[in-house]
Amino acid sequence: MVFISAPVGEVVSALPVVVAPDGGQIYVGGPTKKVTVLGSANGGFIKDIDIAGDPVAMAVSADNTTLYLVSTSADHFLSAVDIATGVETPLAAYTAYDLALSLDGELLYVTDPANEQVVVYSTATNEELYPIAVGAHTSAVAISPDGSLLYVANPGAVTVIDTATQTVITTYPAGFILLDIAAGPGGSYAVDLVNDALITAHLVSIV
């Protein structure tokens, strides 16, 4: 979600937005340490969930009971929130940047830029399983539509991880600094926002 000033027309801020797997609810991260829950049918307000920091990335569990988020909280950059009760459970204190869920909802992938890795969590226990070394300052992460590949944005490169083996299979030089990444239909494209430019890359040619 992007806020644009009027009448100037400049982008003022961008907020993380995620839709529940069943499409029934929309979760909007706010700049005041809260997540607003809206009904997707009419956009009506349902409730606010207070959290420890301003959310910067979010994902909803497959059963729509848990909201995983990366926030600006100094105490825990990664946490799990019980959507029904609003109880927030810290998961990690490292500088997480982005996250993505596996298609079956069993694994949570979290980028850890400071340690140049992607950390994998079990959503059943919310415990860390293992890290995947990337060898670069990781930022954004996205899962392919078929769930077989994980794309990790790095400075000037895209790293591709095989989700079956949880290993890096290739790194593709991008030639620009990646701030965000998303896999498109068929897994064919990654979309990146860099210095006010929208860039697409053909991911099929990478692997």
N, C-alpha and C. Protein backbone atom coordinates (compact mmCIF):
# COMPACT_ATOMS: atom_id res chain seq x y z
N MET A 1 0.85 -1.19 0.00
CA MET A 1 0.00 0.00 0.00
C MET A 1 0.89 1.24 0.00
N VAL A 2 0.58 2.21 -0.87
CA VAL A 2 1.38 3.42 -1.01
C VAL A 2 0.51 4.64 -0.75
N PHE A 3 1.01 5.58 0.07
CA PHE A 3 0.32 6.84 0.29
C PHE A 3 0.96 7.91 -0.57
N ILE A 4 0.13 8.67 -1.31
CA ILE A 4 0.61 9.71 -2.21
C ILE A 4 0.03 11.04 -1.77
N SER A 5 0.89 12.05 -1.67
CA SER A 5 0.44 13.36 -1.22
C SER A 5 -0.35 14.05 -2.32
N ALA A 6 -1.27 14.90 -1.92
CA ALA A 6 -2.06 15.69 -2.87
C ALA A 6 -1.92 17.16 -2.48
N PRO A 7 -1.75 18.10 -3.43
CA PRO A 7 -1.80 17.87 -4.88
C PRO A 7 -0.45 17.55 -5.50
N VAL A 8 0.61 17.45 -4.70
CA VAL A 8 1.95 17.28 -5.26
C VAL A 8 2.08 15.97 -6.01
N GLY A 9 1.48 14.90 -5.49
CA GLY A 9 1.54 13.61 -6.16
C GLY A 9 2.79 12.82 -5.86
N GLU A 10 3.48 13.16 -4.76
CA GLU A 10 4.68 12.43 -4.38
C GLU A 10 4.34 11.29 -3.43
N VAL A 11 5.11 10.19 -3.55
CA VAL A 11 4.92 9.07 -2.63
C VAL A 11 5.43 9.47 -1.25
N VAL A 12 4.56 9.39 -0.26
CA VAL A 12 4.91 9.78 1.10
C VAL A 12 5.43 8.59 1.89
N SER A 13 4.75 7.46 1.79
CA SER A 13 5.18 6.26 2.50
C SER A 13 4.56 5.03 1.87
N ALA A 14 5.17 3.88 2.15
CA ALA A 14 4.65 2.60 1.67
C ALA A 14 4.51 1.66 2.86
N LEU A 15 3.39 0.96 2.93
CA LEU A 15 3.13 0.07 4.05
C LEU A 15 2.98 -1.36 3.56
N PRO A 16 3.45 -2.33 4.36
CA PRO A 16 3.28 -3.73 3.96
C PRO A 16 1.83 -4.17 4.05
N VAL A 17 1.38 -4.91 3.05
CA VAL A 17 0.01 -5.41 3.00
C VAL A 17 0.05 -6.89 2.61
N VAL A 18 -0.74 -7.71 3.30
CA VAL A 18 -0.81 -9.13 2.97
C VAL A 18 -2.26 -9.59 3.08
N VAL A 19 -2.65 -10.49 2.20
CA VAL A 19 -4.01 -11.02 2.19
C VAL A 19 -4.01 -12.43 2.77
N ALA A 20 -5.00 -12.75 3.59
CA ALA A 20 -5.12 -14.08 4.18
C ALA A 20 -5.25 -15.13 3.08
N PRO A 21 -4.74 -16.34 3.31
CA PRO A 21 -4.80 -17.40 2.29
C PRO A 21 -6.21 -17.67 1.77
N ASP A 22 -7.21 -17.53 2.63
CA ASP A 22 -8.59 -17.77 2.18
C ASP A 22 -9.22 -16.53 1.56
N GLY A 23 -8.46 -15.44 1.51
CA GLY A 23 -8.93 -14.21 0.89
C GLY A 23 -9.93 -13.43 1.70
N GLY A 24 -10.18 -13.84 2.92
CA GLY A 24 -11.22 -13.19 3.71
C GLY A 24 -10.81 -11.92 4.41
N GLN A 25 -9.52 -11.78 4.71
CA GLN A 25 -9.05 -10.62 5.45
C GLN A 25 -7.80 -10.03 4.82
N ILE A 26 -7.62 -8.73 5.03
CA ILE A 26 -6.44 -8.01 4.57
C ILE A 26 -5.73 -7.44 5.79
N TYR A 27 -4.42 -7.63 5.86
CA TYR A 27 -3.63 -7.12 6.98
C TYR A 27 -2.73 -5.99 6.48
N VAL A 28 -2.85 -4.84 7.11
CA VAL A 28 -2.09 -3.66 6.70
C VAL A 28 -1.19 -3.22 7.85
N GLY A 29 0.11 -3.19 7.59
CA GLY A 29 1.05 -2.75 8.60
C GLY A 29 1.05 -1.24 8.71
N GLY A 30 0.91 -0.73 9.92
CA GLY A 30 0.86 0.71 10.13
C GLY A 30 2.15 1.28 10.69
N PRO A 31 2.34 2.59 10.58
CA PRO A 31 3.56 3.24 11.08
C PRO A 31 3.50 3.55 12.57
N THR A 32 2.45 3.10 13.24
CA THR A 32 2.29 3.41 14.67
C THR A 32 2.25 2.14 15.51
N LYS A 33 3.11 1.19 15.16
CA LYS A 33 3.24 -0.07 15.90
C LYS A 33 1.92 -0.83 15.98
N LYS A 34 1.29 -1.01 14.84
CA LYS A 34 0.05 -1.77 14.80
C LYS A 34 -0.17 -2.37 13.43
N VAL A 35 -0.99 -3.41 13.40
CA VAL A 35 -1.45 -4.02 12.15
C VAL A 35 -2.97 -3.89 12.13
N THR A 36 -3.50 -3.33 11.06
CA THR A 36 -4.94 -3.16 10.92
C THR A 36 -5.51 -4.30 10.09
N VAL A 37 -6.57 -4.91 10.60
CA VAL A 37 -7.23 -6.02 9.91
C VAL A 37 -8.50 -5.50 9.24
N LEU A 38 -8.62 -5.74 7.93
CA LEU A 38 -9.78 -5.29 7.16
C LEU A 38 -10.48 -6.48 6.51
N GLY A 39 -11.76 -6.36 6.29
CA GLY A 39 -12.49 -7.37 5.54
C GLY A 39 -12.27 -7.17 4.06
N SER A 40 -11.94 -8.22 3.34
CA SER A 40 -11.62 -8.07 1.92
C SER A 40 -12.86 -7.82 1.06
N ALA A 41 -14.03 -8.19 1.54
CA ALA A 41 -15.25 -8.02 0.75
C ALA A 41 -15.60 -6.55 0.54
N ASN A 42 -15.48 -5.77 1.62
CA ASN A 42 -15.85 -4.35 1.52
C ASN A 42 -14.80 -3.41 2.09
N GLY A 43 -13.67 -3.97 2.52
CA GLY A 43 -12.62 -3.14 3.09
C GLY A 43 -12.94 -2.59 4.45
N GLY A 44 -13.99 -3.13 5.09
CA GLY A 44 -14.40 -2.65 6.40
C GLY A 44 -13.42 -2.98 7.50
N PHE A 45 -13.32 -2.07 8.46
CA PHE A 45 -12.41 -2.25 9.59
C PHE A 45 -12.89 -3.38 10.49
N ILE A 46 -11.97 -4.28 10.87
CA ILE A 46 -12.28 -5.37 11.80
C ILE A 46 -11.65 -5.10 13.16
N LYS A 47 -10.33 -4.86 13.17
CA LYS A 47 -9.65 -4.56 14.42
C LYS A 47 -8.22 -4.15 14.16
N ASP A 48 -7.58 -3.59 15.20
CA ASP A 48 -6.15 -3.30 15.19
C ASP A 48 -5.44 -4.28 16.11
N ILE A 49 -4.24 -4.68 15.71
CA ILE A 49 -3.40 -5.54 16.54
C ILE A 49 -2.15 -4.75 16.90
N ASP A 50 -1.93 -4.50 18.18
CA ASP A 50 -0.75 -3.77 18.62
C ASP A 50 0.47 -4.68 18.61
N ILE A 51 1.60 -4.15 18.11
CA ILE A 51 2.85 -4.91 18.07
C ILE A 51 3.98 -4.05 18.61
N ALA A 52 5.15 -4.67 18.77
CA ALA A 52 6.26 -4.00 19.44
C ALA A 52 6.96 -2.96 18.58
N GLY A 53 6.88 -3.09 17.26
CA GLY A 53 7.55 -2.15 16.38
C GLY A 53 6.74 -1.92 15.12
N ASP A 54 7.21 -1.02 14.27
CA ASP A 54 6.53 -0.77 13.00
C ASP A 54 6.81 -1.93 12.03
N PRO A 55 5.79 -2.57 11.49
CA PRO A 55 6.01 -3.71 10.59
C PRO A 55 6.57 -3.28 9.24
N VAL A 56 7.51 -4.07 8.72
CA VAL A 56 8.09 -3.79 7.41
C VAL A 56 7.86 -4.94 6.43
N ALA A 57 7.55 -6.13 6.94
CA ALA A 57 7.24 -7.28 6.09
C ALA A 57 6.33 -8.22 6.87
N MET A 58 5.37 -8.86 6.17
CA MET A 58 4.41 -9.72 6.86
C MET A 58 4.06 -10.94 6.01
N ALA A 59 3.61 -12.00 6.69
CA ALA A 59 3.09 -13.20 6.03
C ALA A 59 2.08 -13.84 6.96
N VAL A 60 1.04 -14.45 6.39
CA VAL A 60 -0.02 -15.08 7.18
C VAL A 60 0.06 -16.60 7.01
N SER A 61 -0.08 -17.32 8.12
CA SER A 61 -0.03 -18.78 8.08
C SER A 61 -1.16 -19.35 7.24
N ALA A 62 -0.99 -20.59 6.79
CA ALA A 62 -1.97 -21.22 5.90
C ALA A 62 -3.35 -21.35 6.54
N ASP A 63 -3.39 -21.50 7.87
CA ASP A 63 -4.67 -21.64 8.56
C ASP A 63 -5.23 -20.31 9.06
N ASN A 64 -4.56 -19.22 8.69
CA ASN A 64 -5.01 -17.87 9.04
C ASN A 64 -5.11 -17.64 10.55
N THR A 65 -4.21 -18.26 11.31
CA THR A 65 -4.20 -18.06 12.76
C THR A 65 -3.00 -17.26 13.24
N THR A 66 -1.94 -17.23 12.43
CA THR A 66 -0.70 -16.58 12.86
C THR A 66 -0.21 -15.59 11.82
N LEU A 67 0.19 -14.43 12.29
CA LEU A 67 0.79 -13.41 11.44
C LEU A 67 2.27 -13.33 11.76
N TYR A 68 3.11 -13.64 10.78
CA TYR A 68 4.55 -13.52 10.96
C TYR A 68 4.98 -12.16 10.44
N LEU A 69 5.82 -11.48 11.20
CA LEU A 69 6.22 -10.15 10.76
C LEU A 69 7.64 -9.78 11.14
N VAL A 70 8.23 -8.98 10.28
CA VAL A 70 9.50 -8.32 10.56
C VAL A 70 9.16 -6.89 10.92
N SER A 71 9.70 -6.42 12.04
CA SER A 71 9.37 -5.06 12.48
C SER A 71 10.63 -4.31 12.89
N THR A 72 10.44 -3.06 13.25
CA THR A 72 11.57 -2.22 13.66
C THR A 72 11.86 -2.33 15.15
N SER A 73 11.20 -3.25 15.84
CA SER A 73 11.44 -3.41 17.27
C SER A 73 12.88 -3.78 17.54
N ALA A 74 13.52 -3.09 18.46
CA ALA A 74 14.92 -3.38 18.80
C ALA A 74 15.06 -4.67 19.58
N ASP A 75 13.97 -5.12 20.20
CA ASP A 75 14.02 -6.33 21.02
C ASP A 75 13.89 -7.60 20.18
N HIS A 76 13.07 -7.57 19.17
CA HIS A 76 12.90 -8.74 18.31
C HIS A 76 12.42 -8.30 16.93
N PHE A 77 13.31 -8.46 15.96
CA PHE A 77 12.99 -8.03 14.60
C PHE A 77 12.04 -8.99 13.90
N LEU A 78 11.96 -10.23 14.41
CA LEU A 78 11.06 -11.23 13.85
C LEU A 78 10.15 -11.76 14.95
N SER A 79 8.86 -11.83 14.65
CA SER A 79 7.92 -12.30 15.67
C SER A 79 6.72 -12.98 15.03
N ALA A 80 5.98 -13.72 15.87
CA ALA A 80 4.74 -14.37 15.44
C ALA A 80 3.61 -13.83 16.29
N VAL A 81 2.52 -13.44 15.65
CA VAL A 81 1.39 -12.85 16.36
C VAL A 81 0.17 -13.76 16.22
N ASP A 82 -0.42 -14.12 17.36
CA ASP A 82 -1.67 -14.86 17.35
C ASP A 82 -2.78 -13.90 16.91
N ILE A 83 -3.37 -14.14 15.75
CA ILE A 83 -4.34 -13.19 15.20
C ILE A 83 -5.58 -13.06 16.08
N ALA A 84 -6.00 -14.13 16.70
CA ALA A 84 -7.21 -14.10 17.53
C ALA A 84 -7.01 -13.33 18.82
N THR A 85 -5.86 -13.54 19.48
CA THR A 85 -5.61 -12.92 20.79
C THR A 85 -4.75 -11.67 20.72
N GLY A 86 -3.98 -11.52 19.64
CA GLY A 86 -3.08 -10.38 19.52
C GLY A 86 -1.78 -10.56 20.28
N VAL A 87 -1.54 -11.74 20.84
CA VAL A 87 -0.30 -12.00 21.59
C VAL A 87 0.86 -12.15 20.62
N GLU A 88 1.92 -11.37 20.85
CA GLU A 88 3.10 -11.39 19.99
C GLU A 88 4.22 -12.18 20.66
N THR A 89 4.79 -13.14 19.93
CA THR A 89 5.87 -13.98 20.45
C THR A 89 7.16 -13.69 19.70
N PRO A 90 8.21 -13.23 20.38
CA PRO A 90 9.49 -12.97 19.71
C PRO A 90 10.10 -14.27 19.18
N LEU A 91 10.65 -14.21 17.97
CA LEU A 91 11.31 -15.37 17.40
C LEU A 91 12.81 -15.16 17.23
N ALA A 92 13.23 -13.95 16.91
CA ALA A 92 14.65 -13.70 16.69
C ALA A 92 14.97 -12.23 16.89
N ALA A 93 16.21 -11.97 17.32
CA ALA A 93 16.63 -10.60 17.58
C ALA A 93 17.60 -10.09 16.53
N TYR A 94 17.93 -10.90 15.52
CA TYR A 94 18.84 -10.42 14.49
C TYR A 94 18.10 -9.50 13.52
N THR A 95 18.85 -8.84 12.68
CA THR A 95 18.26 -7.83 11.79
C THR A 95 17.60 -8.47 10.57
N ALA A 96 16.45 -9.07 10.79
CA ALA A 96 15.69 -9.65 9.68
C ALA A 96 15.21 -8.54 8.75
N TYR A 97 15.06 -8.87 7.47
CA TYR A 97 14.65 -7.87 6.48
C TYR A 97 13.34 -8.23 5.80
N ASP A 98 13.20 -9.49 5.39
CA ASP A 98 12.00 -9.91 4.67
C ASP A 98 11.71 -11.36 4.99
N LEU A 99 10.52 -11.83 4.61
CA LEU A 99 10.15 -13.22 4.89
C LEU A 99 9.19 -13.74 3.83
N ALA A 100 9.12 -15.07 3.75
CA ALA A 100 8.20 -15.72 2.82
C ALA A 100 7.86 -17.10 3.35
N LEU A 101 6.63 -17.53 3.14
CA LEU A 101 6.18 -18.86 3.56
C LEU A 101 6.25 -19.83 2.39
N SER A 102 6.57 -21.10 2.70
CA SER A 102 6.50 -22.14 1.68
C SER A 102 5.03 -22.32 1.29
N LEU A 103 4.78 -22.91 0.13
CA LEU A 103 3.41 -23.03 -0.35
C LEU A 103 2.55 -23.89 0.57
N ASP A 104 3.15 -24.89 1.22
CA ASP A 104 2.37 -25.72 2.14
C ASP A 104 2.24 -25.09 3.52
N GLY A 105 2.90 -23.94 3.70
CA GLY A 105 2.80 -23.22 4.97
C GLY A 105 3.60 -23.81 6.10
N GLU A 106 4.42 -24.82 5.83
CA GLU A 106 5.15 -25.49 6.90
C GLU A 106 6.47 -24.82 7.25
N LEU A 107 7.03 -24.07 6.31
CA LEU A 107 8.32 -23.43 6.52
C LEU A 107 8.23 -21.93 6.33
N LEU A 108 9.00 -21.21 7.13
CA LEU A 108 9.09 -19.75 7.02
C LEU A 108 10.54 -19.41 6.70
N TYR A 109 10.75 -18.69 5.60
CA TYR A 109 12.08 -18.26 5.18
C TYR A 109 12.27 -16.79 5.55
N VAL A 110 13.37 -16.49 6.25
CA VAL A 110 13.63 -15.13 6.72
C VAL A 110 15.03 -14.71 6.31
N THR A 111 15.15 -13.55 5.66
CA THR A 111 16.48 -13.07 5.29
C THR A 111 17.15 -12.41 6.49
N ASP A 112 18.44 -12.71 6.64
CA ASP A 112 19.27 -12.19 7.73
C ASP A 112 20.47 -11.49 7.10
N PRO A 113 20.34 -10.21 6.74
CA PRO A 113 21.39 -9.50 6.00
C PRO A 113 22.74 -9.48 6.71
N ALA A 114 22.75 -9.24 8.01
CA ALA A 114 24.01 -9.10 8.74
C ALA A 114 24.86 -10.36 8.68
N ASN A 115 24.20 -11.51 8.64
CA ASN A 115 24.93 -12.78 8.62
C ASN A 115 24.92 -13.45 7.25
N GLU A 116 24.46 -12.71 6.24
CA GLU A 116 24.49 -13.16 4.85
C GLU A 116 23.86 -14.54 4.66
N GLN A 117 22.63 -14.68 5.17
CA GLN A 117 21.98 -15.98 5.11
C GLN A 117 20.47 -15.85 5.10
N VAL A 118 19.82 -16.97 4.79
CA VAL A 118 18.37 -17.11 4.94
C VAL A 118 18.14 -18.12 6.05
N VAL A 119 17.33 -17.76 7.04
CA VAL A 119 17.06 -18.65 8.17
C VAL A 119 15.70 -19.30 7.97
N VAL A 120 15.65 -20.61 8.17
CA VAL A 120 14.42 -21.37 7.96
C VAL A 120 13.80 -21.75 9.30
N TYR A 121 12.49 -21.49 9.43
CA TYR A 121 11.75 -21.79 10.66
C TYR A 121 10.64 -22.79 10.39
N SER A 122 10.31 -23.58 11.41
CA SER A 122 9.13 -24.45 11.36
C SER A 122 7.94 -23.65 11.85
N THR A 123 6.86 -23.60 11.07
CA THR A 123 5.67 -22.88 11.51
C THR A 123 4.88 -23.69 12.53
N ALA A 124 5.15 -24.98 12.62
CA ALA A 124 4.45 -25.82 13.60
C ALA A 124 4.92 -25.52 15.02
N THR A 125 6.23 -25.22 15.14
CA THR A 125 6.81 -24.96 16.47
C THR A 125 7.33 -23.54 16.63
N ASN A 126 7.43 -22.79 15.50
CA ASN A 126 8.03 -21.45 15.49
C ASN A 126 9.49 -21.47 15.93
N GLU A 127 10.14 -22.61 15.75
CA GLU A 127 11.55 -22.74 16.11
C GLU A 127 12.43 -22.69 14.86
N GLU A 128 13.65 -22.17 15.04
CA GLU A 128 14.61 -22.13 13.95
C GLU A 128 15.09 -23.53 13.62
N LEU A 129 15.07 -23.88 12.33
CA LEU A 129 15.53 -25.19 11.90
C LEU A 129 16.99 -25.16 11.47
N TYR A 130 17.32 -24.25 10.55
CA TYR A 130 18.69 -24.16 10.06
C TYR A 130 18.84 -22.91 9.20
N PRO A 131 20.09 -22.44 9.05
CA PRO A 131 20.35 -21.32 8.14
C PRO A 131 20.81 -21.84 6.78
N ILE A 132 20.59 -21.05 5.76
CA ILE A 132 21.12 -21.34 4.43
C ILE A 132 22.06 -20.21 4.06
N ALA A 133 23.35 -20.50 3.97
CA ALA A 133 24.34 -19.47 3.67
C ALA A 133 24.20 -19.01 2.23
N VAL A 134 24.14 -17.70 2.05
CA VAL A 134 24.02 -17.12 0.72
C VAL A 134 25.32 -16.45 0.29
N GLY A 135 26.08 -15.95 1.26
CA GLY A 135 27.36 -15.34 0.95
C GLY A 135 27.27 -13.92 0.47
N ALA A 136 26.15 -13.28 0.76
CA ALA A 136 25.96 -11.88 0.37
C ALA A 136 24.93 -11.26 1.30
N HIS A 137 24.86 -9.95 1.27
CA HIS A 137 23.93 -9.20 2.12
C HIS A 137 22.50 -9.42 1.61
N THR A 138 21.79 -10.34 2.22
CA THR A 138 20.45 -10.68 1.75
C THR A 138 19.45 -9.58 2.10
N SER A 139 18.49 -9.37 1.20
CA SER A 139 17.44 -8.39 1.48
C SER A 139 16.08 -9.05 1.29
N ALA A 140 15.48 -8.88 0.14
CA ALA A 140 14.13 -9.41 -0.08
C ALA A 140 14.17 -10.88 -0.49
N VAL A 141 13.02 -11.55 -0.32
CA VAL A 141 12.92 -12.97 -0.66
C VAL A 141 11.53 -13.24 -1.23
N ALA A 142 11.45 -14.18 -2.18
CA ALA A 142 10.16 -14.54 -2.78
C ALA A 142 10.18 -16.00 -3.19
N ILE A 143 9.04 -16.65 -3.06
CA ILE A 143 8.91 -18.06 -3.45
C ILE A 143 8.30 -18.13 -4.84
N SER A 144 8.75 -19.09 -5.65
CA SER A 144 8.18 -19.26 -6.98
C SER A 144 6.75 -19.77 -6.87
N PRO A 145 5.90 -19.51 -7.87
CA PRO A 145 4.50 -19.93 -7.79
C PRO A 145 4.30 -21.42 -7.57
N ASP A 146 5.24 -22.26 -8.04
CA ASP A 146 5.10 -23.69 -7.82
C ASP A 146 5.79 -24.16 -6.54
N GLY A 147 6.43 -23.21 -5.82
CA GLY A 147 7.04 -23.52 -4.55
C GLY A 147 8.37 -24.22 -4.62
N SER A 148 8.90 -24.45 -5.80
CA SER A 148 10.13 -25.22 -5.94
C SER A 148 11.40 -24.40 -5.75
N LEU A 149 11.30 -23.09 -5.93
CA LEU A 149 12.47 -22.23 -5.85
C LEU A 149 12.22 -21.05 -4.93
N LEU A 150 13.30 -20.62 -4.29
CA LEU A 150 13.27 -19.42 -3.45
C LEU A 150 14.24 -18.43 -4.05
N TYR A 151 13.76 -17.23 -4.38
CA TYR A 151 14.61 -16.19 -4.95
C TYR A 151 15.00 -15.20 -3.86
N VAL A 152 16.30 -14.94 -3.74
CA VAL A 152 16.81 -14.06 -2.70
C VAL A 152 17.53 -12.88 -3.35
N ALA A 153 17.10 -11.68 -3.01
CA ALA A 153 17.72 -10.47 -3.56
C ALA A 153 18.98 -10.13 -2.77
N ASN A 154 20.05 -9.86 -3.50
CA ASN A 154 21.33 -9.44 -2.92
C ASN A 154 21.79 -8.17 -3.64
N PRO A 155 22.81 -7.50 -3.12
CA PRO A 155 23.35 -6.36 -3.85
C PRO A 155 23.93 -6.80 -5.20
N GLY A 156 23.25 -6.45 -6.27
CA GLY A 156 23.75 -6.77 -7.60
C GLY A 156 23.57 -8.21 -8.03
N ALA A 157 22.72 -8.99 -7.36
CA ALA A 157 22.56 -10.39 -7.74
C ALA A 157 21.26 -10.97 -7.21
N VAL A 158 20.83 -12.07 -7.83
CA VAL A 158 19.70 -12.85 -7.35
C VAL A 158 20.21 -14.26 -7.07
N THR A 159 20.05 -14.73 -5.85
CA THR A 159 20.43 -16.09 -5.48
C THR A 159 19.20 -16.98 -5.53
N VAL A 160 19.35 -18.17 -6.11
CA VAL A 160 18.24 -19.10 -6.25
C VAL A 160 18.49 -20.32 -5.37
N ILE A 161 17.50 -20.65 -4.52
CA ILE A 161 17.60 -21.78 -3.60
C ILE A 161 16.57 -22.84 -3.99
N ASP A 162 17.02 -24.09 -4.08
CA ASP A 162 16.13 -25.21 -4.33
C ASP A 162 15.44 -25.56 -3.01
N THR A 163 14.12 -25.45 -2.95
CA THR A 163 13.42 -25.67 -1.69
C THR A 163 13.32 -27.16 -1.33
N ALA A 164 13.57 -28.04 -2.28
CA ALA A 164 13.56 -29.48 -1.98
C ALA A 164 14.80 -29.89 -1.21
N THR A 165 15.94 -29.30 -1.59
CA THR A 165 17.21 -29.63 -0.93
C THR A 165 17.68 -28.54 0.03
N GLN A 166 17.03 -27.37 -0.03
CA GLN A 166 17.40 -26.21 0.80
C GLN A 166 18.85 -25.81 0.57
N THR A 167 19.28 -25.83 -0.68
CA THR A 167 20.64 -25.44 -1.04
C THR A 167 20.62 -24.43 -2.17
N VAL A 168 21.66 -23.61 -2.23
CA VAL A 168 21.81 -22.63 -3.30
C VAL A 168 22.19 -23.36 -4.58
N ILE A 169 21.46 -23.10 -5.66
CA ILE A 169 21.77 -23.77 -6.92
C ILE A 169 22.42 -22.83 -7.93
N THR A 170 22.21 -21.53 -7.79
CA THR A 170 22.86 -20.58 -8.68
C THR A 170 22.71 -19.17 -8.14
N THR A 171 23.60 -18.30 -8.58
CA THR A 171 23.49 -16.87 -8.29
C THR A 171 23.63 -16.11 -9.60
N TYR A 172 22.65 -15.27 -9.88
CA TYR A 172 22.59 -14.56 -11.15
C TYR A 172 22.97 -13.10 -10.96
N PRO A 173 24.05 -12.62 -11.62
CA PRO A 173 24.41 -11.19 -11.51
C PRO A 173 23.30 -10.31 -12.07
N ALA A 174 22.88 -9.35 -11.29
CA ALA A 174 21.78 -8.48 -11.71
C ALA A 174 22.27 -7.14 -12.24
N GLY A 175 23.40 -6.67 -11.74
CA GLY A 175 23.93 -5.41 -12.23
C GLY A 175 23.32 -4.19 -11.61
N PHE A 176 22.46 -4.38 -10.61
CA PHE A 176 21.85 -3.25 -9.92
C PHE A 176 21.53 -3.67 -8.50
N ILE A 177 21.27 -2.70 -7.65
CA ILE A 177 20.99 -2.99 -6.24
C ILE A 177 19.52 -3.36 -6.08
N LEU A 178 19.26 -4.55 -5.57
CA LEU A 178 17.90 -5.03 -5.41
C LEU A 178 17.33 -4.61 -4.06
N LEU A 179 16.17 -3.98 -4.08
CA LEU A 179 15.49 -3.60 -2.85
C LEU A 179 14.30 -4.51 -2.56
N ASP A 180 13.73 -5.09 -3.63
CA ASP A 180 12.58 -5.97 -3.44
C ASP A 180 12.53 -6.94 -4.61
N ILE A 181 11.81 -8.03 -4.43
CA ILE A 181 11.73 -9.03 -5.48
C ILE A 181 10.41 -9.77 -5.36
N ALA A 182 9.85 -10.16 -6.49
CA ALA A 182 8.59 -10.92 -6.50
C ALA A 182 8.56 -11.82 -7.72
N ALA A 183 8.14 -13.06 -7.54
CA ALA A 183 8.04 -13.99 -8.66
C ALA A 183 6.67 -13.86 -9.29
N GLY A 184 6.65 -13.71 -10.61
CA GLY A 184 5.40 -13.52 -11.32
C GLY A 184 4.77 -14.83 -11.77
N PRO A 185 3.70 -14.77 -12.55
CA PRO A 185 3.01 -15.96 -13.05
C PRO A 185 3.96 -16.90 -13.79
N GLY A 186 3.92 -18.18 -13.44
CA GLY A 186 4.81 -19.14 -14.07
C GLY A 186 6.23 -19.04 -13.59
N GLY A 187 6.49 -18.15 -12.62
CA GLY A 187 7.84 -17.98 -12.12
C GLY A 187 8.76 -17.31 -13.11
N SER A 188 8.21 -16.62 -14.09
CA SER A 188 9.01 -16.10 -15.19
C SER A 188 9.74 -14.80 -14.89
N TYR A 189 9.22 -14.02 -13.95
CA TYR A 189 9.79 -12.70 -13.76
C TYR A 189 10.03 -12.36 -12.29
N ALA A 190 11.07 -11.59 -12.06
CA ALA A 190 11.28 -10.96 -10.77
C ALA A 190 11.08 -9.47 -10.97
N VAL A 191 10.44 -8.83 -10.02
CA VAL A 191 10.17 -7.40 -10.12
C VAL A 191 10.93 -6.70 -9.02
N ASP A 192 11.62 -5.62 -9.39
CA ASP A 192 12.48 -4.94 -8.43
C ASP A 192 12.31 -3.43 -8.54
N LEU A 193 12.31 -2.76 -7.40
CA LEU A 193 12.19 -1.31 -7.36
C LEU A 193 13.54 -0.73 -6.94
N VAL A 194 14.20 -0.05 -7.86
CA VAL A 194 15.53 0.48 -7.60
C VAL A 194 15.62 1.92 -8.08
N ASN A 195 15.92 2.81 -7.17
CA ASN A 195 16.14 4.21 -7.56
C ASN A 195 15.02 4.73 -8.46
N ASP A 196 13.77 4.54 -8.01
CA ASP A 196 12.60 5.01 -8.74
C ASP A 196 12.42 4.36 -10.11
N ALA A 197 12.95 3.14 -10.28
CA ALA A 197 12.80 2.43 -11.55
C ALA A 197 12.24 1.04 -11.29
N LEU A 198 11.36 0.58 -12.18
CA LEU A 198 10.80 -0.75 -12.08
C LEU A 198 11.50 -1.65 -13.09
N ILE A 199 12.12 -2.73 -12.61
CA ILE A 199 12.95 -3.57 -13.47
C ILE A 199 12.41 -4.99 -13.44
N THR A 200 12.38 -5.65 -14.61
CA THR A 200 11.97 -7.05 -14.67
C THR A 200 13.12 -7.90 -15.19
N ALA A 201 13.22 -9.12 -14.67
CA ALA A 201 14.27 -10.04 -15.11
C ALA A 201 13.63 -11.39 -15.37
N HIS A 202 14.07 -12.07 -16.44
CA HIS A 202 13.50 -13.36 -16.79
C HIS A 202 14.17 -14.44 -15.93
N LEU A 203 13.46 -14.97 -14.95
CA LEU A 203 14.05 -15.90 -14.00
C LEU A 203 14.24 -17.29 -14.58
N VAL A 204 13.48 -17.65 -15.60
CA VAL A 204 13.65 -18.97 -16.19
C VAL A 204 15.06 -19.12 -16.75
N SER A 205 15.60 -18.03 -17.30
CA SER A 205 16.94 -18.09 -17.87
C SER A 205 18.01 -18.18 -16.79
N ILE A 206 17.65 -17.82 -15.54
CA ILE A 206 18.62 -17.88 -14.45
C ILE A 206 18.91 -19.33 -14.08
N VAL A 207 17.88 -20.16 -14.02
CA VAL A 207 18.04 -21.54 -13.58
C VAL A 207 17.98 -22.51 -14.75
